């Protein structure tokens, strides 16, 4: 879904997204053709070997291995640090119209289906609105995924000023999400 939304984006929007540091994600996304079970075997093996009491992985013959925030940052090519991600739960329909160009028709409790966002990116009349509209499914797919294929609009606070989105701690958000999901496995 996100892969098909990336291809028709204008070069201006792609530049904004790449400036934030998300180019590596899209390079992998665009070059990855399958989503078969074999692709998940490494993740499943890691999840089984994760100890939530110490936040470390345990491998036979190697021992205890920790994935530090720095290691994570190097692996995913996103910088850690920067401004704290802003969260705002009270957007009015006027603010949504101003930020996205449209008030989402399929919104429930500030949650929007990722598919609706991807379908409506081409209708954005400005680069800023298109970049915001693309960043929301990106957040909901990679940085803070939800099993319901939705994203909460409270992340729009960090997307309000497009020229500032590269200053936020997106790598920290991804690392926190990874640690959260490893703890619940």
N, C-alpha and C. Protein backbone atom coordinates (compact mmCIF):
# COMPACT_ATOMS: atom_id res chain seq x y z
N UNK A 1 0.82 -1.18 0.00
CA UNK A 1 0.00 0.00 0.00
C UNK A 1 0.88 1.26 0.00
N UNK A 2 1.81 1.35 0.94
CA UNK A 2 2.68 2.52 1.01
C UNK A 2 3.62 2.56 -0.19
N UNK A 3 4.00 1.38 -0.66
CA UNK A 3 4.89 1.30 -1.83
C UNK A 3 4.21 1.92 -3.05
N UNK A 4 2.93 1.63 -3.24
CA UNK A 4 2.22 2.18 -4.39
C UNK A 4 1.96 3.68 -4.22
N UNK A 5 1.90 4.16 -2.99
CA UNK A 5 1.70 5.59 -2.75
C UNK A 5 2.99 6.38 -2.98
N UNK A 6 4.15 5.73 -2.82
CA UNK A 6 5.44 6.41 -2.97
C UNK A 6 5.73 6.76 -4.43
N UNK A 7 5.46 5.83 -5.33
CA UNK A 7 5.82 6.01 -6.74
C UNK A 7 5.26 7.29 -7.37
N UNK A 8 3.98 7.62 -7.22
CA UNK A 8 3.47 8.81 -7.90
C UNK A 8 3.73 10.14 -7.18
N UNK A 9 4.40 10.11 -6.02
CA UNK A 9 4.65 11.36 -5.30
C UNK A 9 5.51 12.31 -6.12
N UNK A 10 5.28 13.58 -5.95
CA UNK A 10 6.10 14.58 -6.65
C UNK A 10 7.52 14.56 -6.10
N UNK A 11 8.51 14.93 -6.90
CA UNK A 11 9.89 14.97 -6.42
C UNK A 11 10.06 15.88 -5.19
N UNK A 12 9.27 16.93 -5.09
CA UNK A 12 9.36 17.84 -3.93
C UNK A 12 8.99 17.11 -2.64
N UNK A 13 7.93 16.33 -2.69
CA UNK A 13 7.50 15.59 -1.50
C UNK A 13 8.54 14.52 -1.17
N UNK A 14 9.04 13.83 -2.18
CA UNK A 14 10.06 12.79 -1.94
C UNK A 14 11.31 13.41 -1.31
N UNK A 15 11.68 14.60 -1.74
CA UNK A 15 12.85 15.26 -1.15
C UNK A 15 12.63 15.57 0.33
N UNK A 16 11.44 16.03 0.68
CA UNK A 16 11.14 16.32 2.08
C UNK A 16 11.25 15.06 2.91
N UNK A 17 10.66 13.97 2.43
CA UNK A 17 10.68 12.70 3.15
C UNK A 17 12.12 12.18 3.28
N UNK A 18 12.91 12.30 2.22
CA UNK A 18 14.31 11.85 2.26
C UNK A 18 15.17 12.72 3.18
N UNK A 19 14.89 14.02 3.25
CA UNK A 19 15.64 14.91 4.14
C UNK A 19 15.49 14.51 5.61
N UNK A 20 14.33 13.96 5.94
CA UNK A 20 14.09 13.52 7.31
C UNK A 20 14.98 12.33 7.64
N UNK A 21 15.39 11.58 6.62
CA UNK A 21 16.25 10.42 6.84
C UNK A 21 15.56 9.10 6.55
N UNK A 22 14.39 9.15 5.92
CA UNK A 22 13.64 7.93 5.67
C UNK A 22 13.95 7.27 4.33
N UNK A 23 14.97 7.75 3.64
CA UNK A 23 15.32 7.18 2.34
C UNK A 23 15.65 5.70 2.38
N UNK A 24 16.32 5.26 3.45
CA UNK A 24 16.67 3.84 3.58
C UNK A 24 15.43 2.96 3.62
N UNK A 25 14.41 3.40 4.36
CA UNK A 25 13.17 2.63 4.44
C UNK A 25 12.56 2.44 3.06
N UNK A 26 12.51 3.51 2.28
CA UNK A 26 11.88 3.41 0.98
C UNK A 26 12.73 2.65 -0.02
N UNK A 27 14.02 2.71 0.12
CA UNK A 27 14.90 1.91 -0.73
C UNK A 27 14.61 0.42 -0.51
N UNK A 28 14.51 0.02 0.75
CA UNK A 28 14.19 -1.36 1.08
C UNK A 28 12.78 -1.69 0.63
N UNK A 29 11.83 -0.79 0.89
CA UNK A 29 10.45 -1.01 0.52
C UNK A 29 10.30 -1.21 -0.98
N UNK A 30 10.96 -0.38 -1.76
CA UNK A 30 10.82 -0.46 -3.20
C UNK A 30 11.53 -1.67 -3.80
N UNK A 31 12.56 -2.16 -3.14
CA UNK A 31 13.31 -3.30 -3.66
C UNK A 31 12.83 -4.63 -3.11
N UNK A 32 11.95 -4.61 -2.14
CA UNK A 32 11.48 -5.85 -1.51
C UNK A 32 10.22 -6.32 -2.23
N UNK A 33 10.26 -7.53 -2.78
CA UNK A 33 9.15 -8.02 -3.59
C UNK A 33 8.22 -8.99 -2.87
N UNK A 34 8.72 -9.70 -1.86
CA UNK A 34 7.87 -10.72 -1.23
C UNK A 34 7.64 -10.39 0.24
N UNK A 35 6.55 -10.93 0.73
CA UNK A 35 6.24 -10.82 2.16
C UNK A 35 5.89 -12.22 2.66
N UNK A 36 6.66 -13.19 2.23
CA UNK A 36 6.39 -14.56 2.60
C UNK A 36 6.83 -14.85 4.03
N UNK A 37 6.37 -15.97 4.56
CA UNK A 37 6.68 -16.36 5.92
C UNK A 37 8.17 -16.45 6.16
N UNK A 38 8.93 -16.89 5.15
CA UNK A 38 10.38 -17.02 5.33
C UNK A 38 11.02 -15.69 5.70
N UNK A 39 10.42 -14.57 5.26
CA UNK A 39 10.95 -13.26 5.60
C UNK A 39 10.78 -12.94 7.08
N UNK A 40 9.84 -13.60 7.72
CA UNK A 40 9.56 -13.34 9.13
C UNK A 40 10.35 -14.25 10.07
N UNK A 41 11.03 -15.26 9.55
CA UNK A 41 11.71 -16.23 10.40
C UNK A 41 12.78 -15.59 11.28
N UNK A 42 13.54 -14.65 10.75
CA UNK A 42 14.56 -13.98 11.56
C UNK A 42 13.91 -13.20 12.69
N UNK A 43 12.84 -12.47 12.38
CA UNK A 43 12.15 -11.72 13.42
C UNK A 43 11.59 -12.64 14.50
N UNK A 44 11.02 -13.75 14.09
CA UNK A 44 10.48 -14.70 15.06
C UNK A 44 11.59 -15.29 15.92
N UNK A 45 12.73 -15.60 15.30
CA UNK A 45 13.86 -16.15 16.06
C UNK A 45 14.37 -15.13 17.07
N UNK A 46 14.42 -13.87 16.68
CA UNK A 46 14.85 -12.83 17.62
C UNK A 46 13.85 -12.67 18.76
N UNK A 47 12.57 -12.69 18.43
CA UNK A 47 11.54 -12.52 19.46
C UNK A 47 11.61 -13.64 20.50
N UNK A 48 11.88 -14.86 20.06
CA UNK A 48 11.96 -15.99 20.98
C UNK A 48 13.16 -15.85 21.91
N UNK A 49 14.23 -15.24 21.42
CA UNK A 49 15.46 -15.12 22.22
C UNK A 49 15.56 -13.82 23.02
N UNK A 50 14.51 -13.02 22.99
CA UNK A 50 14.53 -11.75 23.71
C UNK A 50 14.08 -11.95 25.16
N UNK A 51 14.84 -11.44 26.09
CA UNK A 51 14.49 -11.50 27.51
C UNK A 51 14.00 -10.12 27.92
N UNK A 52 12.73 -10.04 28.27
CA UNK A 52 12.17 -8.74 28.60
C UNK A 52 12.65 -8.22 29.96
N UNK A 53 13.19 -9.07 30.79
CA UNK A 53 13.68 -8.60 32.09
C UNK A 53 14.96 -7.79 31.97
N UNK A 54 15.77 -8.10 30.94
CA UNK A 54 17.04 -7.38 30.76
C UNK A 54 17.11 -6.62 29.44
N UNK A 55 16.07 -6.74 28.61
CA UNK A 55 16.04 -6.12 27.27
C UNK A 55 17.25 -6.55 26.44
N UNK A 56 17.58 -7.84 26.51
CA UNK A 56 18.71 -8.38 25.76
C UNK A 56 18.28 -9.62 25.00
N UNK A 57 19.08 -9.99 24.02
CA UNK A 57 18.87 -11.22 23.26
C UNK A 57 19.87 -12.25 23.77
N UNK A 58 19.47 -13.52 23.79
CA UNK A 58 20.36 -14.59 24.26
C UNK A 58 20.48 -15.65 23.17
N UNK A 59 21.72 -15.84 22.72
CA UNK A 59 21.99 -16.79 21.64
C UNK A 59 22.91 -17.89 22.14
N UNK A 60 22.61 -19.16 21.78
CA UNK A 60 23.50 -20.26 22.17
C UNK A 60 24.88 -20.06 21.55
N UNK A 61 25.91 -20.24 22.35
CA UNK A 61 27.28 -20.11 21.87
C UNK A 61 27.80 -18.69 21.83
N UNK A 62 26.91 -17.69 21.90
CA UNK A 62 27.33 -16.30 21.87
C UNK A 62 27.12 -15.66 23.23
N UNK A 63 25.95 -15.89 23.77
CA UNK A 63 25.62 -15.30 25.06
C UNK A 63 24.64 -14.16 24.92
N UNK A 64 24.75 -13.21 25.82
CA UNK A 64 23.82 -12.09 25.91
C UNK A 64 24.25 -10.96 24.99
N UNK A 65 23.32 -10.47 24.19
CA UNK A 65 23.59 -9.39 23.25
C UNK A 65 22.53 -8.31 23.45
N UNK A 66 22.98 -7.08 23.54
CA UNK A 66 22.05 -5.97 23.72
C UNK A 66 22.01 -5.13 22.45
N UNK A 67 20.83 -4.69 22.09
CA UNK A 67 20.66 -3.78 20.98
C UNK A 67 20.53 -2.38 21.57
N UNK A 68 21.62 -1.64 21.56
CA UNK A 68 21.61 -0.30 22.13
C UNK A 68 20.91 0.66 21.18
N UNK A 69 20.48 1.80 21.67
CA UNK A 69 19.90 2.79 20.77
C UNK A 69 20.85 3.17 19.63
N UNK A 70 22.15 3.25 19.93
CA UNK A 70 23.12 3.58 18.88
C UNK A 70 23.15 2.48 17.81
N UNK A 71 23.18 1.21 18.23
CA UNK A 71 23.15 0.09 17.28
C UNK A 71 21.92 0.19 16.38
N UNK A 72 20.78 0.43 17.00
CA UNK A 72 19.53 0.54 16.26
C UNK A 72 19.60 1.67 15.24
N UNK A 73 20.14 2.80 15.66
CA UNK A 73 20.25 3.95 14.78
C UNK A 73 21.13 3.64 13.57
N UNK A 74 22.22 2.94 13.78
CA UNK A 74 23.12 2.58 12.68
C UNK A 74 22.44 1.59 11.74
N UNK A 75 21.72 0.63 12.30
CA UNK A 75 21.07 -0.40 11.48
C UNK A 75 19.98 0.20 10.59
N UNK A 76 19.16 1.07 11.15
CA UNK A 76 18.04 1.60 10.37
C UNK A 76 18.34 2.93 9.69
N UNK A 77 19.51 3.48 9.93
CA UNK A 77 19.93 4.75 9.31
C UNK A 77 19.04 5.93 9.67
N UNK A 78 18.51 5.91 10.87
CA UNK A 78 17.76 7.06 11.38
C UNK A 78 18.49 7.59 12.60
N UNK A 79 18.64 8.87 12.67
CA UNK A 79 19.34 9.46 13.80
C UNK A 79 18.44 9.43 15.02
N UNK A 80 19.07 9.22 16.17
CA UNK A 80 18.37 9.30 17.44
C UNK A 80 18.65 10.67 18.04
N UNK A 81 17.69 11.21 18.70
CA UNK A 81 17.84 12.52 19.30
C UNK A 81 17.12 13.57 18.48
N UNK A 82 16.99 14.70 19.05
CA UNK A 82 16.26 15.76 18.39
C UNK A 82 15.06 16.15 19.24
N UNK A 83 14.18 16.91 18.63
CA UNK A 83 13.01 17.38 19.35
C UNK A 83 12.07 16.22 19.65
N UNK A 84 11.41 16.31 20.78
CA UNK A 84 10.43 15.30 21.18
C UNK A 84 9.23 15.33 20.23
N UNK A 85 8.72 14.15 19.89
CA UNK A 85 7.57 14.05 19.01
C UNK A 85 6.38 14.71 19.71
N UNK A 86 5.73 15.63 19.01
CA UNK A 86 4.57 16.32 19.57
C UNK A 86 3.32 15.48 19.37
N UNK A 87 2.50 15.44 20.38
CA UNK A 87 1.24 14.70 20.30
C UNK A 87 0.11 15.65 20.66
N UNK A 88 -0.88 15.73 19.80
CA UNK A 88 -2.02 16.60 20.02
C UNK A 88 -3.28 15.81 19.71
N UNK A 89 -4.13 15.64 20.70
CA UNK A 89 -5.36 14.86 20.52
C UNK A 89 -6.58 15.71 20.17
N UNK A 90 -6.42 16.99 20.05
CA UNK A 90 -7.60 17.83 19.86
C UNK A 90 -7.51 18.69 18.61
N UNK A 91 -7.55 18.07 17.46
CA UNK A 91 -7.59 18.81 16.21
C UNK A 91 -9.04 19.04 15.81
N UNK A 92 -9.35 20.27 15.47
CA UNK A 92 -10.69 20.58 14.99
C UNK A 92 -10.76 20.24 13.50
N UNK A 93 -11.96 20.17 12.97
CA UNK A 93 -12.10 19.88 11.55
C UNK A 93 -11.49 21.01 10.70
N UNK A 94 -11.51 22.23 11.21
CA UNK A 94 -10.88 23.35 10.50
C UNK A 94 -9.36 23.16 10.43
N UNK A 95 -8.75 22.73 11.54
CA UNK A 95 -7.30 22.49 11.56
C UNK A 95 -6.94 21.33 10.64
N UNK A 96 -7.74 20.26 10.66
CA UNK A 96 -7.48 19.12 9.78
C UNK A 96 -7.56 19.54 8.32
N UNK A 97 -8.54 20.34 7.99
CA UNK A 97 -8.69 20.83 6.61
C UNK A 97 -7.47 21.66 6.21
N UNK A 98 -6.96 22.47 7.15
CA UNK A 98 -5.80 23.31 6.88
C UNK A 98 -4.53 22.46 6.70
N UNK A 99 -4.36 21.42 7.54
CA UNK A 99 -3.13 20.61 7.50
C UNK A 99 -3.13 19.56 6.41
N UNK A 100 -4.29 18.93 6.16
CA UNK A 100 -4.35 17.84 5.19
C UNK A 100 -5.06 18.21 3.89
N UNK A 101 -5.80 19.31 3.92
CA UNK A 101 -6.55 19.71 2.73
C UNK A 101 -7.92 19.08 2.65
N UNK A 102 -8.19 18.17 3.56
CA UNK A 102 -9.47 17.47 3.57
C UNK A 102 -9.72 16.96 4.99
N UNK A 103 -10.98 16.90 5.36
CA UNK A 103 -11.34 16.29 6.64
C UNK A 103 -11.59 14.81 6.35
N UNK A 104 -10.83 13.92 6.97
CA UNK A 104 -10.99 12.49 6.68
C UNK A 104 -12.41 12.00 6.90
N UNK A 105 -12.95 11.32 5.89
CA UNK A 105 -14.33 10.83 5.97
C UNK A 105 -14.44 9.54 6.78
N UNK A 106 -13.37 8.79 6.89
CA UNK A 106 -13.43 7.50 7.58
C UNK A 106 -12.69 7.56 8.91
N UNK A 107 -12.79 8.67 9.61
CA UNK A 107 -12.08 8.85 10.88
C UNK A 107 -12.98 8.40 12.02
N UNK A 108 -12.35 7.65 12.96
CA UNK A 108 -13.06 7.24 14.16
C UNK A 108 -12.12 7.44 15.35
N UNK A 109 -12.51 8.28 16.28
CA UNK A 109 -11.71 8.57 17.48
C UNK A 109 -10.29 9.01 17.13
N UNK A 110 -10.16 9.90 16.19
CA UNK A 110 -8.87 10.42 15.72
C UNK A 110 -8.02 9.37 15.00
N UNK A 111 -8.57 8.21 14.70
CA UNK A 111 -7.85 7.18 13.96
C UNK A 111 -8.34 7.17 12.51
N UNK A 112 -7.37 7.09 11.60
CA UNK A 112 -7.69 7.07 10.17
C UNK A 112 -7.10 5.80 9.56
N UNK A 113 -7.85 5.10 8.72
CA UNK A 113 -7.29 3.94 8.02
C UNK A 113 -6.12 4.35 7.12
N UNK A 114 -5.06 3.56 7.14
CA UNK A 114 -3.90 3.84 6.30
C UNK A 114 -4.28 3.86 4.83
N UNK A 115 -5.18 2.97 4.44
CA UNK A 115 -5.59 2.89 3.03
C UNK A 115 -6.27 4.19 2.59
N UNK A 116 -7.07 4.80 3.45
CA UNK A 116 -7.73 6.06 3.10
C UNK A 116 -6.68 7.15 2.85
N UNK A 117 -5.68 7.22 3.71
CA UNK A 117 -4.63 8.22 3.54
C UNK A 117 -3.89 8.03 2.22
N UNK A 118 -3.49 6.79 1.94
CA UNK A 118 -2.75 6.51 0.70
C UNK A 118 -3.57 6.84 -0.53
N UNK A 119 -4.87 6.56 -0.48
CA UNK A 119 -5.75 6.86 -1.62
C UNK A 119 -5.90 8.35 -1.85
N UNK A 120 -5.80 9.16 -0.80
CA UNK A 120 -6.07 10.58 -0.90
C UNK A 120 -4.83 11.46 -1.05
N UNK A 121 -3.65 10.88 -1.04
CA UNK A 121 -2.42 11.68 -1.24
C UNK A 121 -2.45 12.42 -2.57
N UNK A 122 -2.86 11.78 -3.67
CA UNK A 122 -2.83 12.49 -4.96
C UNK A 122 -3.74 13.73 -5.01
N UNK A 123 -4.74 13.81 -4.15
CA UNK A 123 -5.65 14.95 -4.16
C UNK A 123 -5.10 16.17 -3.42
N UNK A 124 -3.95 16.04 -2.78
CA UNK A 124 -3.37 17.16 -2.02
C UNK A 124 -2.91 18.24 -2.99
N UNK A 125 -3.33 19.47 -2.70
CA UNK A 125 -3.00 20.56 -3.63
C UNK A 125 -1.68 21.25 -3.34
N UNK A 126 -1.04 20.96 -2.19
CA UNK A 126 0.27 21.56 -1.90
C UNK A 126 1.26 20.47 -1.50
N UNK A 127 2.53 20.80 -1.62
CA UNK A 127 3.60 19.87 -1.23
C UNK A 127 3.52 19.56 0.26
N UNK A 128 3.27 20.58 1.07
CA UNK A 128 3.22 20.38 2.52
C UNK A 128 2.09 19.43 2.90
N UNK A 129 0.92 19.60 2.32
CA UNK A 129 -0.22 18.72 2.63
C UNK A 129 0.07 17.29 2.15
N UNK A 130 0.67 17.16 0.98
CA UNK A 130 1.03 15.84 0.48
C UNK A 130 2.06 15.15 1.36
N UNK A 131 3.04 15.92 1.83
CA UNK A 131 4.07 15.34 2.70
C UNK A 131 3.45 14.89 4.03
N UNK A 132 2.57 15.70 4.59
CA UNK A 132 1.89 15.31 5.83
C UNK A 132 1.05 14.06 5.61
N UNK A 133 0.32 14.06 4.50
CA UNK A 133 -0.58 12.93 4.21
C UNK A 133 0.23 11.65 4.00
N UNK A 134 1.44 11.76 3.44
CA UNK A 134 2.28 10.58 3.25
C UNK A 134 2.95 10.15 4.55
N UNK A 135 3.36 11.11 5.36
CA UNK A 135 4.05 10.79 6.62
C UNK A 135 3.14 10.03 7.58
N UNK A 136 1.84 10.31 7.60
CA UNK A 136 0.95 9.62 8.52
C UNK A 136 0.91 8.10 8.27
N UNK A 137 0.71 7.63 7.02
CA UNK A 137 0.78 6.17 6.84
C UNK A 137 2.18 5.61 7.06
N UNK A 138 3.22 6.42 6.81
CA UNK A 138 4.57 5.96 7.09
C UNK A 138 4.73 5.71 8.59
N UNK A 139 4.26 6.64 9.41
CA UNK A 139 4.31 6.47 10.86
C UNK A 139 3.50 5.25 11.27
N UNK A 140 2.31 5.10 10.70
CA UNK A 140 1.44 3.98 11.05
C UNK A 140 1.91 2.64 10.53
N UNK A 141 2.81 2.64 9.55
CA UNK A 141 3.32 1.39 8.98
C UNK A 141 4.65 0.99 9.60
N UNK A 142 5.58 1.95 9.74
CA UNK A 142 6.94 1.62 10.17
C UNK A 142 7.28 2.06 11.58
N UNK A 143 6.94 3.28 11.93
CA UNK A 143 7.42 3.83 13.20
C UNK A 143 6.56 3.45 14.39
N UNK A 144 5.28 3.36 14.20
CA UNK A 144 4.37 3.07 15.31
C UNK A 144 3.18 2.28 14.77
N UNK A 145 3.42 1.05 14.31
CA UNK A 145 2.36 0.30 13.64
C UNK A 145 1.24 -0.11 14.59
N UNK A 146 0.07 -0.23 14.00
CA UNK A 146 -1.13 -0.65 14.72
C UNK A 146 -1.71 -1.84 13.97
N UNK A 147 -2.15 -2.85 14.68
CA UNK A 147 -2.67 -4.05 14.03
C UNK A 147 -3.95 -3.78 13.24
N UNK A 148 -4.60 -2.69 13.51
CA UNK A 148 -5.83 -2.35 12.81
C UNK A 148 -5.60 -1.58 11.52
N UNK A 149 -4.37 -1.45 11.08
CA UNK A 149 -4.01 -0.70 9.86
C UNK A 149 -4.56 0.72 9.90
N UNK A 150 -4.36 1.36 11.05
CA UNK A 150 -4.79 2.73 11.23
C UNK A 150 -3.63 3.54 11.81
N UNK A 151 -3.77 4.84 11.78
CA UNK A 151 -2.81 5.73 12.43
C UNK A 151 -3.62 6.80 13.15
N UNK A 152 -3.12 7.20 14.30
CA UNK A 152 -3.80 8.24 15.06
C UNK A 152 -3.31 9.60 14.58
N UNK A 153 -4.24 10.53 14.48
CA UNK A 153 -3.91 11.87 14.00
C UNK A 153 -3.10 12.69 14.99
N UNK A 154 -2.90 12.20 16.21
CA UNK A 154 -2.17 13.02 17.17
C UNK A 154 -0.73 13.28 16.75
N UNK A 155 -0.20 12.56 15.78
CA UNK A 155 1.15 12.82 15.29
C UNK A 155 1.23 14.05 14.38
N UNK A 156 0.09 14.56 13.97
CA UNK A 156 0.08 15.74 13.10
C UNK A 156 0.76 16.94 13.74
N UNK A 157 0.83 16.98 15.06
CA UNK A 157 1.50 18.08 15.73
C UNK A 157 2.96 18.21 15.31
N UNK A 158 3.62 17.08 15.09
CA UNK A 158 5.02 17.10 14.66
C UNK A 158 5.16 17.33 13.16
N UNK A 159 4.06 17.25 12.45
CA UNK A 159 4.09 17.43 11.00
C UNK A 159 3.55 18.79 10.57
N UNK A 160 3.17 19.60 11.55
CA UNK A 160 2.56 20.91 11.26
C UNK A 160 3.48 21.77 10.39
N UNK A 161 4.74 21.92 10.79
CA UNK A 161 5.70 22.72 10.03
C UNK A 161 6.63 21.77 9.28
N UNK A 162 6.40 21.63 7.99
CA UNK A 162 7.13 20.67 7.17
C UNK A 162 8.64 20.90 7.22
N UNK A 163 9.06 22.16 7.27
CA UNK A 163 10.49 22.45 7.30
C UNK A 163 11.14 22.01 8.61
N UNK A 164 10.35 21.66 9.62
CA UNK A 164 10.87 21.25 10.92
C UNK A 164 10.83 19.74 11.17
N UNK A 165 10.19 18.95 10.31
CA UNK A 165 10.01 17.53 10.64
C UNK A 165 11.33 16.77 10.74
N UNK A 166 12.36 17.22 10.08
CA UNK A 166 13.65 16.53 10.18
C UNK A 166 14.29 16.72 11.56
N UNK A 167 13.79 17.66 12.35
CA UNK A 167 14.37 17.93 13.66
C UNK A 167 13.81 17.05 14.78
N UNK A 168 12.80 16.24 14.47
CA UNK A 168 12.17 15.41 15.51
C UNK A 168 12.88 14.07 15.65
N UNK A 169 12.67 13.44 16.78
CA UNK A 169 13.34 12.18 17.12
C UNK A 169 12.58 10.97 16.57
N UNK A 170 12.54 10.83 15.26
CA UNK A 170 11.84 9.71 14.63
C UNK A 170 12.55 8.39 14.93
N UNK A 171 13.87 8.41 14.99
CA UNK A 171 14.61 7.20 15.33
C UNK A 171 14.29 6.73 16.74
N UNK A 172 14.17 7.66 17.68
CA UNK A 172 13.80 7.32 19.05
C UNK A 172 12.40 6.74 19.11
N UNK A 173 11.50 7.27 18.30
CA UNK A 173 10.14 6.73 18.24
C UNK A 173 10.14 5.29 17.74
N UNK A 174 10.92 5.03 16.70
CA UNK A 174 11.02 3.67 16.15
C UNK A 174 11.64 2.71 17.16
N UNK A 175 12.69 3.16 17.86
CA UNK A 175 13.36 2.32 18.86
C UNK A 175 12.41 2.02 20.03
N UNK A 176 11.69 3.01 20.48
CA UNK A 176 10.73 2.81 21.58
C UNK A 176 9.63 1.83 21.17
N UNK A 177 9.18 1.94 19.92
CA UNK A 177 8.15 1.02 19.42
C UNK A 177 8.69 -0.41 19.38
N UNK A 178 9.93 -0.57 18.89
CA UNK A 178 10.54 -1.90 18.87
C UNK A 178 10.62 -2.49 20.26
N UNK A 179 11.10 -1.72 21.21
CA UNK A 179 11.23 -2.21 22.59
C UNK A 179 9.85 -2.54 23.17
N UNK A 180 8.88 -1.72 22.89
CA UNK A 180 7.52 -1.98 23.38
C UNK A 180 7.00 -3.32 22.86
N UNK A 181 7.13 -3.53 21.54
CA UNK A 181 6.60 -4.76 20.96
C UNK A 181 7.42 -5.98 21.39
N UNK A 182 8.70 -5.82 21.64
CA UNK A 182 9.51 -6.94 22.12
C UNK A 182 9.06 -7.33 23.54
N UNK A 183 8.64 -6.36 24.32
CA UNK A 183 8.21 -6.64 25.69
C UNK A 183 6.88 -7.37 25.74
N UNK A 184 6.01 -7.16 24.75
CA UNK A 184 4.71 -7.80 24.78
C UNK A 184 4.68 -9.15 24.08
N UNK A 185 5.74 -9.48 23.40
CA UNK A 185 5.79 -10.77 22.69
C UNK A 185 5.78 -11.92 23.66
